[in-house]
Amino acid sequence: MFVQIKTILVTEGHADRIVDRFTSQGIIEQQPGFIDLSVLKKRQRKGNEEVLVMIRWESEEAWKAWEKSEAHLAGHRANRGKPAPSYILESRQDVFYVLGQKGYVESST
């Protein structure tokens, strides 16, 4: 398994915009090798908000196929030249290999 994690720091009160963006119906769900996508908001009382988008893939190859897919690239081309929304302060992406797992196991049915 391979995991892609996007970390997005936004100004206070704007985390829900990121949540909505990543949880609305999209095209990633049809990508071969896509397992699931989770959106997490860091628990805090006030101040800037941190949102993590965790996308699980069957393999690194499946993730690379998505990154190079016409559907994915078209979405980025559509936003080329547009400034990021002012409420997004920072954004980064990291990728990880899953080397071990405990607990939750998906059912094959």
PDB file of N, CA and C in Angstrom:
ATOM      1  N   MET A   1       0.853  -1.175   0.000  1.00  0.00           N
ATOM      2  CA  MET A   1       0.000   0.000   0.000  1.00  0.00           C
ATOM      3  C   MET A   1       0.895   1.232   0.000  1.00  0.00           C
ATOM      4  N   PHE A   2       0.359   2.299  -0.570  1.00  0.00           N
ATOM      5  CA  PHE A   2       1.089   3.555  -0.721  1.00  0.00           C
ATOM      6  C   PHE A   2       0.137   4.671  -0.305  1.00  0.00           C
ATOM      7  N   VAL A   3       0.645   5.635   0.456  1.00  0.00           N
ATOM      8  CA  VAL A   3      -0.216   6.705   0.984  1.00  0.00           C
ATOM      9  C   VAL A   3       0.341   8.064   0.591  1.00  0.00           C
ATOM     10  N   GLN A   4      -0.542   8.896   0.109  1.00  0.00           N
ATOM     11  CA  GLN A   4      -0.228  10.279  -0.245  1.00  0.00           C
ATOM     12  C   GLN A   4      -0.906  11.156   0.812  1.00  0.00           C
ATOM     13  N   ILE A   5      -0.145  12.064   1.423  1.00  0.00           N
ATOM     14  CA  ILE A   5      -0.720  12.955   2.426  1.00  0.00           C
ATOM     15  C   ILE A   5      -0.462  14.400   2.032  1.00  0.00           C
ATOM     16  N   LYS A   6      -1.554  15.136   1.902  1.00  0.00           N
ATOM     17  CA  LYS A   6      -1.468  16.567   1.634  1.00  0.00           C
ATOM     18  C   LYS A   6      -1.723  17.276   2.961  1.00  0.00           C
ATOM     19  N   THR A   7      -0.844  18.195   3.333  1.00  0.00           N
ATOM     20  CA  THR A   7      -1.001  18.986   4.548  1.00  0.00           C
ATOM     21  C   THR A   7      -1.293  20.405   4.113  1.00  0.00           C
ATOM     22  N   ILE A   8      -2.425  20.935   4.554  1.00  0.00           N
ATOM     23  CA  ILE A   8      -2.865  22.256   4.124  1.00  0.00           C
ATOM     24  C   ILE A   8      -3.147  23.106   5.358  1.00  0.00           C
ATOM     25  N   LEU A   9      -2.461  24.224   5.459  1.00  0.00           N
ATOM     26  CA  LEU A   9      -2.666  25.170   6.556  1.00  0.00           C
ATOM     27  C   LEU A   9      -3.510  26.323   6.022  1.00  0.00           C
ATOM     28  N   VAL A  10      -4.642  26.584   6.688  1.00  0.00           N
ATOM     29  CA  VAL A  10      -5.552  27.647   6.254  1.00  0.00           C
ATOM     30  C   VAL A  10      -5.843  28.598   7.413  1.00  0.00           C
ATOM     31  N   THR A  11      -6.309  29.776   7.069  1.00  0.00           N
ATOM     32  CA  THR A  11      -6.666  30.735   8.105  1.00  0.00           C
ATOM     33  C   THR A  11      -7.887  30.220   8.870  1.00  0.00           C
ATOM     34  N   GLU A  12      -7.975  30.651  10.110  1.00  0.00           N
ATOM     35  CA  GLU A  12      -9.053  30.222  11.002  1.00  0.00           C
ATOM     36  C   GLU A  12     -10.416  30.398  10.327  1.00  0.00           C
ATOM     37  N   GLY A  13     -11.224  29.340  10.427  1.00  0.00           N
ATOM     38  CA  GLY A  13     -12.573  29.384   9.887  1.00  0.00           C
ATOM     39  C   GLY A  13     -12.712  28.882   8.458  1.00  0.00           C
ATOM     40  N   HIS A  14     -11.623  28.460   7.833  1.00  0.00           N
ATOM     41  CA  HIS A  14     -11.688  28.038   6.435  1.00  0.00           C
ATOM     42  C   HIS A  14     -11.435  26.549   6.204  1.00  0.00           C
ATOM     43  N   ALA A  15     -11.253  25.776   7.247  1.00  0.00           N
ATOM     44  CA  ALA A  15     -10.986  24.344   7.079  1.00  0.00           C
ATOM     45  C   ALA A  15     -12.116  23.646   6.342  1.00  0.00           C
ATOM     46  N   ASP A  16     -13.353  24.048   6.601  1.00  0.00           N
ATOM     47  CA  ASP A  16     -14.492  23.393   5.959  1.00  0.00           C
ATOM     48  C   ASP A  16     -14.458  23.548   4.438  1.00  0.00           C
ATOM     49  N   ARG A  17     -13.861  24.606   3.942  1.00  0.00           N
ATOM     50  CA  ARG A  17     -13.748  24.782   2.488  1.00  0.00           C
ATOM     51  C   ARG A  17     -12.847  23.706   1.891  1.00  0.00           C
ATOM     52  N   ILE A  18     -11.783  23.366   2.600  1.00  0.00           N
ATOM     53  CA  ILE A  18     -10.876  22.316   2.140  1.00  0.00           C
ATOM     54  C   ILE A  18     -11.569  20.957   2.245  1.00  0.00           C
ATOM     55  N   VAL A  19     -12.261  20.743   3.354  1.00  0.00           N
ATOM     56  CA  VAL A  19     -12.995  19.494   3.538  1.00  0.00           C
ATOM     57  C   VAL A  19     -13.993  19.311   2.401  1.00  0.00           C
ATOM     58  N   ASP A  20     -14.774  20.328   2.095  1.00  0.00           N
ATOM     59  CA  ASP A  20     -15.766  20.253   1.018  1.00  0.00           C
ATOM     60  C   ASP A  20     -15.109  19.956  -0.325  1.00  0.00           C
ATOM     61  N   ARG A  21     -13.993  20.597  -0.587  1.00  0.00           N
ATOM     62  CA  ARG A  21     -13.293  20.417  -1.868  1.00  0.00           C
ATOM     63  C   ARG A  21     -12.860  18.971  -2.071  1.00  0.00           C
ATOM     64  N   PHE A  22     -12.343  18.350  -1.022  1.00  0.00           N
ATOM     65  CA  PHE A  22     -11.804  17.006  -1.167  1.00  0.00           C
ATOM     66  C   PHE A  22     -12.825  15.896  -0.924  1.00  0.00           C
ATOM     67  N   THR A  23     -13.982  16.203  -0.344  1.00  0.00           N
ATOM     68  CA  THR A  23     -14.981  15.164  -0.094  1.00  0.00           C
ATOM     69  C   THR A  23     -16.127  15.196  -1.090  1.00  0.00           C
ATOM     70  N   SER A  24     -16.176  16.212  -1.949  1.00  0.00           N
ATOM     71  CA  SER A  24     -17.222  16.233  -2.965  1.00  0.00           C
ATOM     72  C   SER A  24     -16.912  15.183  -4.032  1.00  0.00           C
ATOM     73  N   GLN A  25     -17.935  14.785  -4.759  1.00  0.00           N
ATOM     74  CA  GLN A  25     -17.770  13.770  -5.806  1.00  0.00           C
ATOM     75  C   GLN A  25     -16.701  14.217  -6.795  1.00  0.00           C
ATOM     76  N   GLY A  26     -15.834  13.309  -7.148  1.00  0.00           N
ATOM     77  CA  GLY A  26     -14.749  13.634  -8.058  1.00  0.00           C
ATOM     78  C   GLY A  26     -14.443  12.482  -8.981  1.00  0.00           C
ATOM     79  N   ILE A  27     -13.294  12.576  -9.639  1.00  0.00           N
ATOM     80  CA  ILE A  27     -12.913  11.539 -10.591  1.00  0.00           C
ATOM     81  C   ILE A  27     -11.903  10.556 -10.020  1.00  0.00           C
ATOM     82  N   ILE A  28     -11.284  10.920  -8.915  1.00  0.00           N
ATOM     83  CA  ILE A  28     -10.262  10.044  -8.337  1.00  0.00           C
ATOM     84  C   ILE A  28     -10.852   8.699  -7.936  1.00  0.00           C
ATOM     85  N   GLU A  29     -12.125   8.677  -7.582  1.00  0.00           N
ATOM     86  CA  GLU A  29     -12.772   7.448  -7.136  1.00  0.00           C
ATOM     87  C   GLU A  29     -12.776   6.362  -8.215  1.00  0.00           C
ATOM     88  N   GLN A  30     -12.716   6.746  -9.479  1.00  0.00           N
ATOM     89  CA  GLN A  30     -12.720   5.776 -10.572  1.00  0.00           C
ATOM     90  C   GLN A  30     -11.310   5.341 -10.985  1.00  0.00           C
ATOM     91  N   GLN A  31     -10.292   5.941 -10.398  1.00  0.00           N
ATOM     92  CA  GLN A  31      -8.910   5.625 -10.781  1.00  0.00           C
ATOM     93  C   GLN A  31      -8.532   4.221 -10.312  1.00  0.00           C
ATOM     94  N   PRO A  32      -8.034   3.381 -11.219  1.00  0.00           N
ATOM     95  CA  PRO A  32      -7.586   2.049 -10.795  1.00  0.00           C
ATOM     96  C   PRO A  32      -6.523   2.158  -9.705  1.00  0.00           C
ATOM     97  N   GLY A  33      -6.668   1.334  -8.676  1.00  0.00           N
ATOM     98  CA  GLY A  33      -5.713   1.320  -7.574  1.00  0.00           C
ATOM     99  C   GLY A  33      -6.048   2.267  -6.440  1.00  0.00           C
ATOM    100  N   PHE A  34      -7.040   3.138  -6.622  1.00  0.00           N
ATOM    101  CA  PHE A  34      -7.484   4.034  -5.553  1.00  0.00           C
ATOM    102  C   PHE A  34      -8.194   3.206  -4.493  1.00  0.00           C
ATOM    103  N   ILE A  35      -7.817   3.393  -3.218  1.00  0.00           N
ATOM    104  CA  ILE A  35      -8.486   2.681  -2.124  1.00  0.00           C
ATOM    105  C   ILE A  35      -9.494   3.593  -1.446  1.00  0.00           C
ATOM    106  N   ASP A  36      -9.011   4.691  -0.876  1.00  0.00           N
ATOM    107  CA  ASP A  36      -9.919   5.624  -0.205  1.00  0.00           C
ATOM    108  C   ASP A  36      -9.219   6.947   0.054  1.00  0.00           C
ATOM    109  N   LEU A  37     -10.013   7.897   0.475  1.00  0.00           N
ATOM    110  CA  LEU A  37      -9.532   9.240   0.778  1.00  0.00           C
ATOM    111  C   LEU A  37     -10.159   9.671   2.093  1.00  0.00           C
ATOM    112  N   SER A  38      -9.333  10.155   3.021  1.00  0.00           N
ATOM    113  CA  SER A  38      -9.821  10.656   4.316  1.00  0.00           C
ATOM    114  C   SER A  38      -9.342  12.085   4.491  1.00  0.00           C
ATOM    115  N   VAL A  39     -10.204  12.914   5.057  1.00  0.00           N
ATOM    116  CA  VAL A  39      -9.840  14.299   5.350  1.00  0.00           C
ATOM    117  C   VAL A  39      -9.883  14.467   6.859  1.00  0.00           C
ATOM    118  N   LEU A  40      -8.765  14.927   7.437  1.00  0.00           N
ATOM    119  CA  LEU A  40      -8.651  15.095   8.879  1.00  0.00           C
ATOM    120  C   LEU A  40      -8.390  16.563   9.203  1.00  0.00           C
ATOM    121  N   LYS A  41      -9.010  17.043  10.263  1.00  0.00           N
ATOM    122  CA  LYS A  41      -8.766  18.407  10.734  1.00  0.00           C
ATOM    123  C   LYS A  41      -8.118  18.309  12.111  1.00  0.00           C
ATOM    124  N   LYS A  42      -7.003  18.989  12.262  1.00  0.00           N
ATOM    125  CA  LYS A  42      -6.296  18.975  13.535  1.00  0.00           C
ATOM    126  C   LYS A  42      -7.172  19.614  14.614  1.00  0.00           C
ATOM    127  N   ARG A  43      -7.234  18.985  15.765  1.00  0.00           N
ATOM    128  CA  ARG A  43      -8.024  19.503  16.884  1.00  0.00           C
ATOM    129  C   ARG A  43      -7.272  20.653  17.530  1.00  0.00           C
ATOM    130  N   GLN A  44      -7.899  21.808  17.542  1.00  0.00           N
ATOM    131  CA  GLN A  44      -7.312  22.986  18.187  1.00  0.00           C
ATOM    132  C   GLN A  44      -8.430  23.955  18.534  1.00  0.00           C
ATOM    133  N   ARG A  45      -8.149  24.840  19.437  1.00  0.00           N
ATOM    134  CA  ARG A  45      -9.184  25.762  19.915  1.00  0.00           C
ATOM    135  C   ARG A  45      -9.333  27.002  19.048  1.00  0.00           C
ATOM    136  N   LYS A  46      -8.226  27.577  18.624  1.00  0.00           N
ATOM    137  CA  LYS A  46      -8.320  28.784  17.801  1.00  0.00           C
ATOM    138  C   LYS A  46      -7.034  28.945  16.998  1.00  0.00           C
ATOM    139  N   GLY A  47      -7.062  29.852  16.059  1.00  0.00           N
ATOM    140  CA  GLY A  47      -5.894  30.100  15.220  1.00  0.00           C
ATOM    141  C   GLY A  47      -5.999  29.396  13.878  1.00  0.00           C
ATOM    142  N   ASN A  48      -4.919  29.440  13.125  1.00  0.00           N
ATOM    143  CA  ASN A  48      -4.888  28.796  11.821  1.00  0.00           C
ATOM    144  C   ASN A  48      -5.224  27.323  11.963  1.00  0.00           C
ATOM    145  N   GLU A  49      -5.834  26.762  10.931  1.00  0.00           N
ATOM    146  CA  GLU A  49      -6.307  25.384  10.980  1.00  0.00           C
ATOM    147  C   GLU A  49      -5.476  24.510  10.037  1.00  0.00           C
ATOM    148  N   GLU A  50      -5.197  23.292  10.485  1.00  0.00           N
ATOM    149  CA  GLU A  50      -4.429  22.354   9.675  1.00  0.00           C
ATOM    150  C   GLU A  50      -5.330  21.207   9.240  1.00  0.00           C
ATOM    151  N   VAL A  51      -5.316  20.943   7.942  1.00  0.00           N
ATOM    152  CA  VAL A  51      -6.129  19.875   7.368  1.00  0.00           C
ATOM    153  C   VAL A  51      -5.191  18.895   6.659  1.00  0.00           C
ATOM    154  N   LEU A  52      -5.408  17.603   6.901  1.00  0.00           N
ATOM    155  CA  LEU A  52      -4.656  16.567   6.211  1.00  0.00           C
ATOM    156  C   LEU A  52      -5.608  15.828   5.281  1.00  0.00           C
ATOM    157  N   VAL A  53      -5.159  15.583   4.070  1.00  0.00           N
ATOM    158  CA  VAL A  53      -5.898  14.773   3.121  1.00  0.00           C
ATOM    159  C   VAL A  53      -5.047  13.525   2.899  1.00  0.00           C
ATOM    160  N   MET A  54      -5.561  12.380   3.320  1.00  0.00           N
ATOM    161  CA  MET A  54      -4.827  11.130   3.206  1.00  0.00           C
ATOM    162  C   MET A  54      -5.490  10.272   2.129  1.00  0.00           C
ATOM    163  N   ILE A  55      -4.715   9.940   1.108  1.00  0.00           N
ATOM    164  CA  ILE A  55      -5.228   9.144   0.004  1.00  0.00           C
ATOM    165  C   ILE A  55      -4.451   7.836  -0.032  1.00  0.00           C
ATOM    166  N   ARG A  56      -5.175   6.722   0.079  1.00  0.00           N
ATOM    167  CA  ARG A  56      -4.522   5.417   0.069  1.00  0.00           C
ATOM    168  C   ARG A  56      -4.646   4.789  -1.317  1.00  0.00           C
ATOM    169  N   TRP A  57      -3.521   4.253  -1.767  1.00  0.00           N
ATOM    170  CA  TRP A  57      -3.416   3.603  -3.077  1.00  0.00           C
ATOM    171  C   TRP A  57      -2.959   2.165  -2.892  1.00  0.00           C
ATOM    172  N   GLU A  58      -3.333   1.302  -3.814  1.00  0.00           N
ATOM    173  CA  GLU A  58      -2.892  -0.090  -3.754  1.00  0.00           C
ATOM    174  C   GLU A  58      -1.379  -0.193  -3.913  1.00  0.00           C
ATOM    175  N   SER A  59      -0.795   0.735  -4.686  1.00  0.00           N
ATOM    176  CA  SER A  59       0.640   0.668  -4.955  1.00  0.00           C
ATOM    177  C   SER A  59       1.155   2.035  -5.381  1.00  0.00           C
ATOM    178  N   GLU A  60       2.465   2.179  -5.368  1.00  0.00           N
ATOM    179  CA  GLU A  60       3.083   3.405  -5.868  1.00  0.00           C
ATOM    180  C   GLU A  60       2.781   3.572  -7.356  1.00  0.00           C
ATOM    181  N   GLU A  61       2.736   2.475  -8.081  1.00  0.00           N
ATOM    182  CA  GLU A  61       2.447   2.534  -9.512  1.00  0.00           C
ATOM    183  C   GLU A  61       1.050   3.085  -9.776  1.00  0.00           C
ATOM    184  N   ALA A  62       0.073   2.697  -8.943  1.00  0.00           N
ATOM    185  CA  ALA A  62      -1.292   3.209  -9.096  1.00  0.00           C
ATOM    186  C   ALA A  62      -1.319   4.715  -8.845  1.00  0.00           C
ATOM    187  N   TRP A  63      -0.591   5.172  -7.824  1.00  0.00           N
ATOM    188  CA  TRP A  63      -0.510   6.607  -7.539  1.00  0.00           C
ATOM    189  C   TRP A  63       0.139   7.354  -8.698  1.00  0.00           C
ATOM    190  N   LYS A  64       1.246   6.825  -9.224  1.00  0.00           N
ATOM    191  CA  LYS A  64       1.932   7.467 -10.350  1.00  0.00           C
ATOM    192  C   LYS A  64       1.028   7.534 -11.579  1.00  0.00           C
ATOM    193  N   ALA A  65       0.252   6.477 -11.813  1.00  0.00           N
ATOM    194  CA  ALA A  65      -0.679   6.479 -12.944  1.00  0.00           C
ATOM    195  C   ALA A  65      -1.710   7.595 -12.783  1.00  0.00           C
ATOM    196  N   TRP A  66      -2.183   7.811 -11.560  1.00  0.00           N
ATOM    197  CA  TRP A  66      -3.119   8.909 -11.295  1.00  0.00           C
ATOM    198  C   TRP A  66      -2.450  10.264 -11.547  1.00  0.00           C
ATOM    199  N   GLU A  67      -1.257  10.429 -11.036  1.00  0.00           N
ATOM    200  CA  GLU A  67      -0.541  11.705 -11.191  1.00  0.00           C
ATOM    201  C   GLU A  67      -0.317  12.049 -12.662  1.00  0.00           C
ATOM    202  N   LYS A  68      -0.151  11.034 -13.497  1.00  0.00           N
ATOM    203  CA  LYS A  68       0.114  11.243 -14.924  1.00  0.00           C
ATOM    204  C   LYS A  68      -1.142  11.162 -15.784  1.00  0.00           C
ATOM    205  N   SER A  69      -2.279  10.843 -15.184  1.00  0.00           N
ATOM    206  CA  SER A  69      -3.511  10.648 -15.947  1.00  0.00           C
ATOM    207  C   SER A  69      -4.013  11.961 -16.540  1.00  0.00           C
ATOM    208  N   GLU A  70      -4.669  11.857 -17.664  1.00  0.00           N
ATOM    209  CA  GLU A  70      -5.218  13.038 -18.335  1.00  0.00           C
ATOM    210  C   GLU A  70      -6.246  13.731 -17.442  1.00  0.00           C
ATOM    211  N   ALA A  71      -7.049  12.961 -16.725  1.00  0.00           N
ATOM    212  CA  ALA A  71      -8.069  13.547 -15.844  1.00  0.00           C
ATOM    213  C   ALA A  71      -7.426  14.402 -14.755  1.00  0.00           C
ATOM    214  N   HIS A  72      -6.376  13.901 -14.137  1.00  0.00           N
ATOM    215  CA  HIS A  72      -5.691  14.640 -13.080  1.00  0.00           C
ATOM    216  C   HIS A  72      -4.991  15.876 -13.641  1.00  0.00           C
ATOM    217  N   LEU A  73      -4.275  15.700 -14.743  1.00  0.00           N
ATOM    218  CA  LEU A  73      -3.552  16.825 -15.345  1.00  0.00           C
ATOM    219  C   LEU A  73      -4.503  17.906 -15.845  1.00  0.00           C
ATOM    220  N   ALA A  74      -5.671  17.517 -16.352  1.00  0.00           N
ATOM    221  CA  ALA A  74      -6.648  18.499 -16.837  1.00  0.00           C
ATOM    222  C   ALA A  74      -7.118  19.409 -15.711  1.00  0.00           C
ATOM    223  N   GLY A  75      -7.301  18.829 -14.521  1.00  0.00           N
ATOM    224  CA  GLY A  75      -7.697  19.644 -13.371  1.00  0.00           C
ATOM    225  C   GLY A  75      -6.647  20.674 -13.015  1.00  0.00           C
ATOM    226  N   HIS A  76      -5.387  20.300 -13.100  1.00  0.00           N
ATOM    227  CA  HIS A  76      -4.308  21.235 -12.808  1.00  0.00           C
ATOM    228  C   HIS A  76      -4.174  22.292 -13.907  1.00  0.00           C
ATOM    229  N   ARG A  77      -4.365  21.872 -15.152  1.00  0.00           N
ATOM    230  CA  ARG A  77      -4.299  22.852 -16.260  1.00  0.00           C
ATOM    231  C   ARG A  77      -5.391  23.907 -16.120  1.00  0.00           C
ATOM    232  N   ALA A  78      -6.561  23.486 -15.661  1.00  0.00           N
ATOM    233  CA  ALA A  78      -7.686  24.419 -15.508  1.00  0.00           C
ATOM    234  C   ALA A  78      -7.373  25.505 -14.490  1.00  0.00           C
ATOM    235  N   ASN A  79      -6.498  25.210 -13.530  1.00  0.00           N
ATOM    236  CA  ASN A  79      -6.157  26.187 -12.482  1.00  0.00           C
ATOM    237  C   ASN A  79      -4.826  26.887 -12.726  1.00  0.00           C
ATOM    238  N   ARG A  80      -4.153  26.551 -13.815  1.00  0.00           N
ATOM    239  CA  ARG A  80      -2.846  27.146 -14.109  1.00  0.00           C
ATOM    240  C   ARG A  80      -2.993  28.662 -14.252  1.00  0.00           C
ATOM    241  N   GLY A  81      -2.117  29.379 -13.578  1.00  0.00           N
ATOM    242  CA  GLY A  81      -2.132  30.837 -13.654  1.00  0.00           C
ATOM    243  C   GLY A  81      -3.058  31.504 -12.654  1.00  0.00           C
ATOM    244  N   LYS A  82      -3.934  30.723 -12.032  1.00  0.00           N
ATOM    245  CA  LYS A  82      -4.832  31.289 -11.023  1.00  0.00           C
ATOM    246  C   LYS A  82      -4.116  31.286  -9.682  1.00  0.00           C
ATOM    247  N   PRO A  83      -4.217  32.369  -8.930  1.00  0.00           N
ATOM    248  CA  PRO A  83      -3.584  32.374  -7.603  1.00  0.00           C
ATOM    249  C   PRO A  83      -4.330  31.427  -6.661  1.00  0.00           C
ATOM    250  N   ALA A  84      -3.605  30.879  -5.716  1.00  0.00           N
ATOM    251  CA  ALA A  84      -4.238  30.042  -4.691  1.00  0.00           C
ATOM    252  C   ALA A  84      -5.176  30.916  -3.873  1.00  0.00           C
ATOM    253  N   PRO A  85      -6.249  30.344  -3.350  1.00  0.00           N
ATOM    254  CA  PRO A  85      -7.134  31.138  -2.494  1.00  0.00           C
ATOM    255  C   PRO A  85      -6.346  31.769  -1.347  1.00  0.00           C
ATOM    256  N   SER A  86      -6.706  32.977  -0.982  1.00  0.00           N
ATOM    257  CA  SER A  86      -5.961  33.719   0.039  1.00  0.00           C
ATOM    258  C   SER A  86      -6.003  33.043   1.411  1.00  0.00           C
ATOM    259  N   TYR A  87      -6.998  32.199   1.660  1.00  0.00           N
ATOM    260  CA  TYR A  87      -7.086  31.535   2.963  1.00  0.00           C
ATOM    261  C   TYR A  87      -6.112  30.362   3.088  1.00  0.00           C
ATOM    262  N   ILE A  88      -5.505  29.906   1.981  1.00  0.00           N
ATOM    263  CA  ILE A  88      -4.508  28.836   2.053  1.00  0.00           C
ATOM    264  C   ILE A  88      -3.153  29.473   2.330  1.00  0.00           C
ATOM    265  N   LEU A  89      -2.595  29.161   3.496  1.00  0.00           N
ATOM    266  CA  LEU A  89      -1.327  29.739   3.919  1.00  0.00           C
ATOM    267  C   LEU A  89      -0.137  28.891   3.484  1.00  0.00           C
ATOM    268  N   GLU A  90      -0.300  27.581   3.546  1.00  0.00           N
ATOM    269  CA  GLU A  90       0.765  26.635   3.189  1.00  0.00           C
ATOM    270  C   GLU A  90       0.130  25.365   2.676  1.00  0.00           C
ATOM    271  N   SER A  91       0.859  24.683   1.811  1.00  0.00           N
ATOM    272  CA  SER A  91       0.401  23.396   1.321  1.00  0.00           C
ATOM    273  C   SER A  91       1.622  22.571   0.932  1.00  0.00           C
ATOM    274  N   ARG A  92       1.597  21.301   1.310  1.00  0.00           N
ATOM    275  CA  ARG A  92       2.682  20.418   0.902  1.00  0.00           C
ATOM    276  C   ARG A  92       2.134  19.006   0.744  1.00  0.00           C
ATOM    277  N   GLN A  93       2.898  18.205   0.030  1.00  0.00           N
ATOM    278  CA  GLN A  93       2.503  16.818  -0.186  1.00  0.00           C
ATOM    279  C   GLN A  93       3.666  15.906   0.155  1.00  0.00           C
ATOM    280  N   ASP A  94       3.364  14.811   0.834  1.00  0.00           N
ATOM    281  CA  ASP A  94       4.351  13.791   1.152  1.00  0.00           C
ATOM    282  C   ASP A  94       3.762  12.442   0.750  1.00  0.00           C
ATOM    283  N   VAL A  95       4.624  11.492   0.437  1.00  0.00           N
ATOM    284  CA  VAL A  95       4.161  10.156   0.097  1.00  0.00           C
ATOM    285  C   VAL A  95       4.902   9.134   0.960  1.00  0.00           C
ATOM    286  N   PHE A  96       4.212   8.060   1.295  1.00  0.00           N
ATOM    287  CA  PHE A  96       4.733   7.072   2.228  1.00  0.00           C
ATOM    288  C   PHE A  96       4.430   5.659   1.746  1.00  0.00           C
ATOM    289  N   TYR A  97       5.338   4.752   2.038  1.00  0.00           N
ATOM    290  CA  TYR A  97       5.084   3.321   1.863  1.00  0.00           C
ATOM    291  C   TYR A  97       4.516   2.806   3.177  1.00  0.00           C
ATOM    292  N   VAL A  98       3.492   1.988   3.108  1.00  0.00           N
ATOM    293  CA  VAL A  98       2.948   1.356   4.306  1.00  0.00           C
ATOM    294  C   VAL A  98       3.766   0.086   4.538  1.00  0.00           C
ATOM    295  N   LEU A  99       4.465   0.041   5.656  1.00  0.00           N
ATOM    296  CA  LEU A  99       5.347  -1.089   5.969  1.00  0.00           C
ATOM    297  C   LEU A  99       4.752  -2.037   6.989  1.00  0.00           C
ATOM    298  N   GLY A 100       3.721  -1.601   7.673  1.00  0.00           N
ATOM    299  CA  GLY A 100       3.055  -2.444   8.653  1.00  0.00           C
ATOM    300  C   GLY A 100       1.684  -1.880   8.933  1.00  0.00           C
ATOM    301  N   GLN A 101       0.812  -2.723   9.447  1.00  0.00           N
ATOM    302  CA  GLN A 101      -0.547  -2.288   9.716  1.00  0.00           C
ATOM    303  C   GLN A 101      -1.131  -3.157  10.806  1.00  0.00           C
ATOM    304  N   LYS A 102      -1.957  -2.574  11.663  1.00  0.00           N
ATOM    305  CA  LYS A 102      -2.655  -3.298  12.729  1.00  0.00           C
ATOM    306  C   LYS A 102      -4.096  -2.839  12.760  1.00  0.00           C
ATOM    307  N   GLY A 103      -4.944  -3.652  13.328  1.00  0.00           N
ATOM    308  CA  GLY A 103      -6.319  -3.214  13.551  1.00  0.00           C
ATOM    309  C   GLY A 103      -7.191  -3.352  12.339  1.00  0.00           C
ATOM    310  N   TYR A 104      -7.730  -2.269  11.877  1.00  0.00           N
ATOM    311  CA  TYR A 104      -8.720  -2.243  10.807  1.00  0.00           C
ATOM    312  C   TYR A 104      -8.218  -2.952   9.554  1.00  0.00           C
ATOM    313  N   VAL A 105      -9.005  -3.905   9.105  1.00  0.00           N
ATOM    314  CA  VAL A 105      -8.708  -4.615   7.867  1.00  0.00           C
ATOM    315  C   VAL A 105      -9.969  -4.567   7.033  1.00  0.00           C
ATOM    316  N   GLU A 106      -9.847  -4.134   5.772  1.00  0.00           N
ATOM    317  CA  GLU A 106     -11.017  -4.035   4.905  1.00  0.00           C
ATOM    318  C   GLU A 106     -11.552  -5.417   4.557  1.00  0.00           C
ATOM    319  N   SER A 107     -12.853  -5.503   4.492  1.00  0.00           N
ATOM    320  CA  SER A 107     -13.507  -6.741   4.101  1.00  0.00           C
ATOM    321  C   SER A 107     -13.399  -6.907   2.593  1.00  0.00           C
ATOM    322  N   SER A 108     -13.270  -8.118   2.146  1.00  0.00           N
ATOM    323  CA  SER A 108     -13.187  -8.378   0.696  1.00  0.00           C
ATOM    324  C   SER A 108     -14.560  -8.589   0.083  1.00  0.00           C
ATOM    325  N   THR A 109     -15.625  -8.428   0.856  1.00  0.00           N
ATOM    326  CA  THR A 109     -16.976  -8.616   0.319  1.00  0.00           C
ATOM    327  C   THR A 109     -17.595  -7.322  -0.066  1.00  0.00           C
TER     328      THR A 109
END
